[in-house]
């Protein structure tokens, strides 16, 4: 036992030394401190955050399109509601005259009491009571009851549509916040780099964009100093006009919610390009997927819109030769890449 007691202080002293060494090992600036991420690791993280921001941006665009549709439907149901209210107002005088006549002849008829109640459905369910009145009165009361039922339906439709619009408005705010959050994370991550590293990363990004711009010209020239590419492929008519317009935007930056001129997001670019050819498209990749005739990959033609990810959150334009032109995501510019650079979902022909 005495030997054991003598050993404990020594073990405690050894443990204290080990703990002190471990504390030194994790001090800032020590050789064993957690290493800073490499430039390549930062680039991958920033690209991932920018891609997530791009996805959220398309969800934001889609919600804006749906809000526009919901508001148009709300205007329609409100117009119907006003028309129904006007019809009811026009009939009130006739109902009042019938009620007055009935009162003078011995009190308000039970049929009129049902009609004048808050629930017009009760009157319609008791339509047999109309036999107690004259034909003219019966027809008038039935019209009023149907009009009141229509008014109740119109009010319900307006309330439901208003609730949909409000819900989509909340969704838009949430998606905008998500985009801005991802972009802020990317900016914060970049701020951890030294000035020299940031310059190197910017050069890498520019080089990737330049390679994308040069893809269209490589089949025609091996020169390292290539001119800005223009489309001279087989497309004709409106498709050719759309592609030429898209080519003219090569190198323009991706900007969340932008549809030109000078900056674009993915669906903004395709909307702008096809708009120059006289074809109107919604500013949303998901909505554009539902706007044209679907075509198989084997039937792709230059000018067709190609879609990516599930659910759909990206769109580009096919230019032939297994390539597309698109606005990638924040931090990148309009470029040309392979058709299968991203998870391919399908295509449509505007």
Protein backbone atom coordinates (compact mmCIF):
# COMPACT_ATOMS: atom_id res chain seq x y z
CA UNK A 1 0.00 0.00 0.00
CA UNK A 2 2.83 2.40 0.86
CA UNK A 3 4.38 1.79 -2.56
CA UNK A 4 1.08 2.63 -4.23
CA UNK A 5 0.71 5.86 -2.25
CA UNK A 6 4.27 6.90 -3.22
CA UNK A 7 3.49 6.23 -6.92
CA UNK A 8 0.34 8.43 -7.09
CA UNK A 9 2.15 11.81 -6.70
CA UNK A 10 4.54 10.81 -9.43
CA UNK A 11 1.68 9.84 -11.76
CA UNK A 12 -0.13 13.09 -11.02
CA UNK A 13 2.99 15.06 -11.81
CA UNK A 14 3.41 13.17 -15.09
CA UNK A 15 -0.24 13.76 -16.02
CA UNK A 16 0.16 17.47 -15.32
CA UNK A 17 3.17 17.61 -17.64
CA UNK A 18 1.28 15.82 -20.41
CA UNK A 19 -1.69 18.17 -20.04
CA UNK A 20 0.61 21.18 -20.21
CA UNK A 21 2.27 19.84 -23.36
CA UNK A 22 -1.12 19.23 -24.97
CA UNK A 23 -2.23 22.77 -24.12
CA UNK A 24 0.90 24.13 -25.73
CA UNK A 25 0.26 22.02 -28.81
CA UNK A 26 -3.05 23.74 -29.53
CA UNK A 27 -1.94 27.29 -28.80
CA UNK A 28 -2.30 29.63 -31.81
CA UNK A 29 0.84 29.70 -33.85
CA UNK A 30 2.13 26.39 -32.47
CA UNK A 31 3.35 23.75 -34.88
CA UNK A 32 0.48 21.38 -33.97
CA UNK A 33 -2.30 23.99 -34.29
CA UNK A 34 -5.21 23.20 -36.58
CA UNK A 35 -3.92 24.02 -40.06
CA UNK A 36 -5.62 26.68 -42.15
CA UNK A 37 -7.62 25.29 -45.08
CA UNK A 38 -5.69 25.20 -48.31
CA UNK A 39 -6.58 27.49 -51.19
CA UNK A 40 -8.10 24.53 -53.04
CA UNK A 41 -10.23 23.63 -50.01
CA UNK A 42 -11.46 27.21 -49.70
CA UNK A 43 -12.23 27.28 -53.41
CA UNK A 44 -14.31 24.10 -53.15
CA UNK A 45 -16.21 25.44 -50.12
CA UNK A 46 -16.86 28.79 -51.78
CA UNK A 47 -18.02 27.06 -54.98
CA UNK A 48 -20.37 24.87 -52.96
CA UNK A 49 -21.82 27.86 -51.10
CA UNK A 50 -22.23 29.77 -54.36
CA UNK A 51 -23.96 26.77 -55.94
CA UNK A 52 -26.32 26.57 -52.96
CA UNK A 53 -26.97 30.30 -53.31
CA UNK A 54 -27.75 29.76 -57.00
CA UNK A 55 -30.22 26.98 -56.13
CA UNK A 56 -31.93 29.21 -53.56
CA UNK A 57 -32.01 32.03 -56.12
CA UNK A 58 -33.99 29.84 -58.53
CA UNK A 59 -36.41 28.88 -55.77
CA UNK A 60 -36.78 32.60 -55.13
CA UNK A 61 -37.42 33.21 -58.85
CA UNK A 62 -39.96 30.40 -58.97
CA UNK A 63 -41.79 31.79 -55.95
CA UNK A 64 -41.93 35.22 -57.60
CA UNK A 65 -43.47 33.66 -60.72
CA UNK A 66 -46.03 31.81 -58.61
CA UNK A 67 -46.81 34.98 -56.68
CA UNK A 68 -47.54 36.79 -59.94
CA UNK A 69 -49.88 33.99 -60.97
CA UNK A 70 -51.56 33.95 -57.56
CA UNK A 71 -52.08 37.72 -57.62
CA UNK A 72 -53.62 37.52 -61.09
CA UNK A 73 -56.05 34.87 -59.83
CA UNK A 74 -56.76 37.04 -56.78
CA UNK A 75 -57.70 39.96 -59.04
CA UNK A 76 -60.05 37.67 -60.99
CA UNK A 77 -61.84 36.32 -57.90
CA UNK A 78 -62.09 39.82 -56.45
CA UNK A 79 -63.69 41.00 -59.70
CA UNK A 80 -66.17 38.15 -59.45
CA UNK A 81 -66.86 39.05 -55.82
CA UNK A 82 -67.59 42.68 -56.73
CA UNK A 83 -69.92 41.53 -59.52
CA UNK A 84 -71.73 39.21 -57.12
CA UNK A 85 -72.09 41.97 -54.53
CA UNK A 86 -73.52 44.29 -57.19
CA UNK A 87 -76.01 41.61 -58.23
CA UNK A 88 -77.12 41.15 -54.63
CA UNK A 89 -77.49 44.91 -54.14
CA UNK A 90 -79.66 45.13 -57.24
CA UNK A 91 -81.94 42.40 -55.88
CA UNK A 92 -82.27 43.78 -52.37
CA UNK A 93 -85.00 46.21 -53.42
CA UNK A 94 -87.13 43.43 -54.87
CA UNK A 95 -86.71 41.31 -51.73
CA UNK A 96 -87.67 44.29 -49.59
CA UNK A 97 -90.86 44.87 -51.59
CA UNK A 98 -91.81 41.21 -51.28
CA UNK A 99 -91.18 41.29 -47.54
CA UNK A 100 -93.26 44.48 -47.15
CA UNK A 101 -96.14 43.02 -49.14
CA UNK A 102 -96.04 39.85 -47.08
CA UNK A 103 -96.02 41.80 -43.83
CA UNK A 104 -99.04 43.86 -44.85
CA UNK A 105 -100.95 40.70 -45.62
CA UNK A 106 -100.38 39.19 -42.20
CA UNK A 107 -96.67 39.00 -41.29
CA UNK A 108 -93.40 37.94 -42.91
CA UNK A 109 -93.83 34.67 -44.75
CA UNK A 110 -91.75 31.76 -43.39
CA UNK A 111 -90.14 31.40 -46.82
CA UNK A 112 -88.96 34.99 -46.70
CA UNK A 113 -87.69 34.45 -43.17
CA UNK A 114 -85.50 31.57 -44.42
CA UNK A 115 -84.30 33.62 -47.36
CA UNK A 116 -83.44 36.66 -45.23
CA UNK A 117 -81.47 34.50 -42.76
CA UNK A 118 -77.67 34.36 -42.90
CA UNK A 119 -77.57 30.90 -44.50
CA UNK A 120 -78.92 30.91 -48.10
CA UNK A 121 -78.27 27.15 -48.31
CA UNK A 122 -81.14 26.59 -45.89
CA UNK A 123 -83.48 28.37 -48.29
CA UNK A 124 -82.33 26.28 -51.24
CA UNK A 125 -82.82 23.09 -49.23
CA UNK A 126 -86.36 24.27 -48.44
CA UNK A 127 -87.23 25.18 -52.01
CA UNK A 128 -90.46 23.19 -51.75
CA UNK A 129 -91.80 26.05 -49.66
CA UNK A 130 -91.81 28.19 -52.81
CA UNK A 131 -95.07 26.53 -53.77
CA UNK A 132 -96.70 28.69 -51.11
CA UNK A 133 -95.95 31.79 -53.20
CA UNK A 134 -96.88 32.93 -56.63
CA UNK A 135 -94.77 31.99 -59.63
CA UNK A 136 -93.25 35.43 -60.05
CA UNK A 137 -92.35 35.70 -56.39
CA UNK A 138 -90.88 32.18 -56.38
CA UNK A 139 -88.59 32.94 -59.31
CA UNK A 140 -87.41 36.18 -57.73
CA UNK A 141 -86.64 34.57 -54.39
CA UNK A 142 -84.81 31.66 -56.00
CA UNK A 143 -82.60 34.07 -57.96
CA UNK A 144 -81.76 35.96 -54.78
CA UNK A 145 -80.94 32.77 -52.90
CA UNK A 146 -78.64 31.56 -55.70
CA UNK A 147 -76.96 34.96 -55.85
CA UNK A 148 -76.34 34.93 -52.10
CA UNK A 149 -74.85 31.45 -52.33
CA UNK A 150 -72.61 32.65 -55.17
CA UNK A 151 -71.55 35.61 -53.02
CA UNK A 152 -70.53 33.30 -50.18
CA UNK A 153 -68.52 31.16 -52.61
CA UNK A 154 -66.80 34.23 -54.08
CA UNK A 155 -65.87 35.50 -50.64
CA UNK A 156 -64.36 32.13 -49.72
CA UNK A 157 -62.38 31.97 -52.98
CA UNK A 158 -61.04 35.49 -52.44
CA UNK A 159 -59.98 34.68 -48.88
CA UNK A 160 -58.25 31.45 -49.96
CA UNK A 161 -56.44 33.15 -52.84
CA UNK A 162 -55.34 36.00 -50.61
CA UNK A 163 -53.93 33.45 -48.14
CA UNK A 164 -51.99 31.75 -50.97
CA UNK A 165 -50.48 35.06 -52.04
CA UNK A 166 -49.47 35.87 -48.48
CA UNK A 167 -47.87 32.43 -48.03
CA UNK A 168 -45.85 32.81 -51.23
CA UNK A 169 -44.74 36.28 -50.13
CA UNK A 170 -43.34 34.73 -46.95
CA UNK A 171 -41.62 32.04 -49.04
CA UNK A 172 -39.99 34.71 -51.22
CA UNK A 173 -38.58 36.45 -48.16
CA UNK A 174 -37.23 33.13 -46.83
CA UNK A 175 -35.52 32.25 -50.12
CA UNK A 176 -34.03 35.74 -50.40
CA UNK A 177 -32.67 35.34 -46.88
CA UNK A 178 -31.22 31.92 -47.82
CA UNK A 179 -29.45 33.37 -50.86
CA UNK A 180 -28.01 36.26 -48.90
CA UNK A 181 -26.95 33.90 -46.09
CA UNK A 182 -25.00 31.61 -48.43
CA UNK A 183 -23.34 34.57 -50.14
CA UNK A 184 -22.41 36.02 -46.75
CA UNK A 185 -20.85 32.69 -45.74
CA UNK A 186 -18.82 32.64 -48.94
CA UNK A 187 -17.66 36.22 -48.35
CA UNK A 188 -16.70 35.44 -44.75
CA UNK A 189 -14.75 32.38 -45.89
CA UNK A 190 -12.88 34.41 -48.50
CA UNK A 191 -12.06 37.04 -45.89
CA UNK A 192 -10.02 34.45 -43.97
CA UNK A 193 -7.57 34.30 -46.88
CA UNK A 194 -4.56 36.54 -47.15
CA UNK A 195 -4.57 39.17 -49.88
CA UNK A 196 -2.17 37.09 -51.99
CA UNK A 197 -4.41 34.03 -51.69
CA UNK A 198 -7.51 36.00 -52.64
CA UNK A 199 -5.73 37.30 -55.72
CA UNK A 200 -4.72 33.76 -56.70
CA UNK A 201 -8.29 32.50 -56.21
CA UNK A 202 -9.67 35.37 -58.31
CA UNK A 203 -7.17 34.48 -61.05
CA UNK A 204 -8.31 30.83 -60.94
CA UNK A 205 -11.94 31.92 -61.28
CA UNK A 206 -11.13 34.23 -64.21
CA UNK A 207 -9.19 31.46 -65.91
CA UNK A 208 -12.15 29.08 -65.58
CA UNK A 209 -14.45 31.72 -67.07
CA UNK A 210 -12.04 32.36 -69.94
CA UNK A 211 -11.86 28.64 -70.69
CA UNK A 212 -15.65 28.58 -70.85
CA UNK A 213 -15.68 31.46 -73.33
CA UNK A 214 -13.03 29.81 -75.50
CA UNK A 215 -14.78 26.44 -75.82
CA UNK A 216 -16.88 27.59 -78.78
CA UNK A 217 -13.82 28.64 -80.77
CA UNK A 218 -11.52 25.69 -80.11
CA UNK A 219 -12.97 23.62 -82.93
CA UNK A 220 -12.02 26.39 -85.39
CA UNK A 221 -8.64 27.51 -84.09
CA UNK A 222 -5.69 26.28 -82.03
CA UNK A 223 -4.50 29.80 -81.31
CA UNK A 224 -3.96 30.70 -77.67
CA UNK A 225 -5.24 34.21 -78.37
CA UNK A 226 -8.79 33.44 -79.42
CA UNK A 227 -11.32 36.14 -80.36
CA UNK A 228 -14.58 36.36 -78.43
CA UNK A 229 -16.70 33.52 -79.90
CA UNK A 230 -19.84 34.12 -81.91
CA UNK A 231 -22.36 31.53 -82.95
CA UNK A 232 -22.17 30.26 -86.53
CA UNK A 233 -23.82 26.87 -86.08
CA UNK A 234 -26.75 25.23 -87.86
CA UNK A 235 -29.60 26.85 -85.91
CA UNK A 236 -31.91 29.14 -87.84
CA UNK A 237 -34.84 31.44 -87.20
CA UNK A 238 -35.72 32.31 -83.63
CA UNK A 239 -33.39 29.66 -82.15
CA UNK A 240 -30.41 31.20 -83.95
CA UNK A 241 -31.34 34.66 -82.69
CA UNK A 242 -31.64 33.37 -79.11
CA UNK A 243 -28.24 31.64 -79.25
CA UNK A 244 -26.50 34.66 -80.79
CA UNK A 245 -27.92 36.83 -78.03
CA UNK A 246 -26.72 34.37 -75.37
CA UNK A 247 -23.23 34.28 -76.97
CA UNK A 248 -23.06 38.06 -76.78
CA UNK A 249 -23.36 37.76 -72.97
CA UNK A 250 -20.31 35.49 -72.53
CA UNK A 251 -18.24 36.79 -69.64
CA UNK A 252 -21.11 38.76 -68.07
CA UNK A 253 -21.29 38.09 -64.31
CA UNK A 254 -23.87 35.98 -62.53
CA UNK A 255 -26.00 38.23 -60.33
CA UNK A 256 -28.86 36.90 -58.19
CA UNK A 257 -32.25 37.84 -59.72
CA UNK A 258 -30.71 39.57 -62.77
CA UNK A 259 -32.03 39.23 -66.32
CA UNK A 260 -29.71 41.60 -68.18
CA UNK A 261 -28.39 43.56 -69.73
CA UNK A 262 -24.88 43.05 -68.37
CA UNK A 263 -25.64 40.55 -65.59
CA UNK A 264 -27.75 37.40 -65.33
CA UNK A 265 -28.80 34.45 -63.26
CA UNK A 266 -29.41 31.17 -65.10
CA UNK A 267 -33.10 31.60 -65.96
CA UNK A 268 -32.57 35.32 -66.49
CA UNK A 269 -30.08 34.54 -69.29
CA UNK A 270 -32.39 32.12 -71.10
CA UNK A 271 -35.35 34.48 -70.66
CA UNK A 272 -33.30 37.39 -72.04
CA UNK A 273 -31.93 35.38 -74.98
CA UNK A 274 -35.26 33.96 -76.09
CA UNK A 275 -36.94 37.31 -75.42
CA UNK A 276 -34.70 38.82 -78.10
CA UNK A 277 -36.25 36.30 -80.49
CA UNK A 278 -39.79 37.31 -79.55
CA UNK A 279 -40.49 34.40 -77.18
CA UNK A 280 -41.64 35.25 -73.65
CA UNK A 281 -40.40 32.97 -70.86
CA UNK A 282 -40.93 33.19 -67.09
CA UNK A 283 -37.97 34.09 -64.90
CA UNK A 284 -37.65 30.68 -63.25
CA UNK A 285 -35.95 27.46 -64.33
CA UNK A 286 -38.78 25.33 -62.91
CA UNK A 287 -41.41 27.47 -64.65
CA UNK A 288 -39.47 27.40 -67.94
CA UNK A 289 -39.44 23.61 -67.79
CA UNK A 290 -43.25 23.74 -67.92
CA UNK A 291 -43.36 26.40 -70.66
CA UNK A 292 -42.24 24.51 -73.75
CA UNK A 293 -42.55 21.20 -75.58
CA UNK A 294 -40.48 18.51 -73.92
CA UNK A 295 -37.85 16.84 -76.11
CA UNK A 296 -35.62 13.84 -75.52
CA UNK A 297 -31.87 14.19 -75.21
CA UNK A 298 -31.40 12.34 -78.48
CA UNK A 299 -33.58 14.96 -80.21
CA UNK A 300 -31.81 18.04 -78.80
CA UNK A 301 -31.39 20.95 -81.19
CA UNK A 302 -29.48 24.22 -80.75
CA UNK A 303 -31.61 26.68 -78.82
CA UNK A 304 -33.37 24.05 -76.71
CA UNK A 305 -33.44 24.69 -72.97
CA UNK A 306 -31.77 22.05 -70.80
CA UNK A 307 -32.51 21.59 -67.10
CA UNK A 308 -30.56 20.27 -64.15
CA UNK A 309 -30.95 18.90 -60.61
CA UNK A 310 -34.02 17.48 -58.89
CA UNK A 311 -36.03 19.46 -58.07
CA UNK A 312 -35.09 21.61 -61.07
CA UNK A 313 -32.93 24.57 -60.03
CA UNK A 314 -30.77 25.34 -63.08
CA UNK A 315 -31.26 25.93 -66.81
CA UNK A 316 -28.94 26.46 -69.76
CA UNK A 317 -29.25 26.63 -73.54
CA UNK A 318 -28.05 23.85 -75.81
CA UNK A 319 -25.74 25.09 -78.59
CA UNK A 320 -24.89 21.78 -80.27
CA UNK A 321 -21.88 19.49 -80.07
CA UNK A 322 -22.77 18.33 -76.57
CA UNK A 323 -22.33 21.83 -75.11
CA UNK A 324 -24.49 24.43 -73.40
CA UNK A 325 -24.20 28.13 -72.62
CA UNK A 326 -25.35 29.16 -69.14
CA UNK A 327 -24.92 31.53 -66.19
CA UNK A 328 -23.43 29.16 -63.57
CA UNK A 329 -23.77 30.66 -60.08
CA UNK A 330 -22.55 33.60 -57.97
CA UNK A 331 -18.86 34.21 -58.41
CA UNK A 332 -18.84 32.98 -62.01
CA UNK A 333 -19.72 34.43 -65.42
CA UNK A 334 -21.72 33.31 -68.45
CA UNK A 335 -19.77 30.44 -69.99
CA UNK A 336 -19.92 27.39 -72.25
CA UNK A 337 -19.58 23.92 -70.71
CA UNK A 338 -20.39 20.29 -71.45
CA UNK A 339 -24.04 19.24 -71.54
CA UNK A 340 -23.43 16.75 -68.72
CA UNK A 341 -21.34 19.00 -66.49
CA UNK A 342 -24.31 18.88 -64.04
CA UNK A 343 -27.02 16.27 -63.28
CA UNK A 344 -29.19 16.42 -66.41
CA UNK A 345 -32.99 16.22 -65.98
CA UNK A 346 -34.58 17.06 -69.33
CA UNK A 347 -35.10 19.61 -72.08
CA UNK A 348 -37.80 21.74 -73.66
CA UNK A 349 -38.16 23.57 -76.97
CA UNK A 350 -39.61 27.11 -76.60
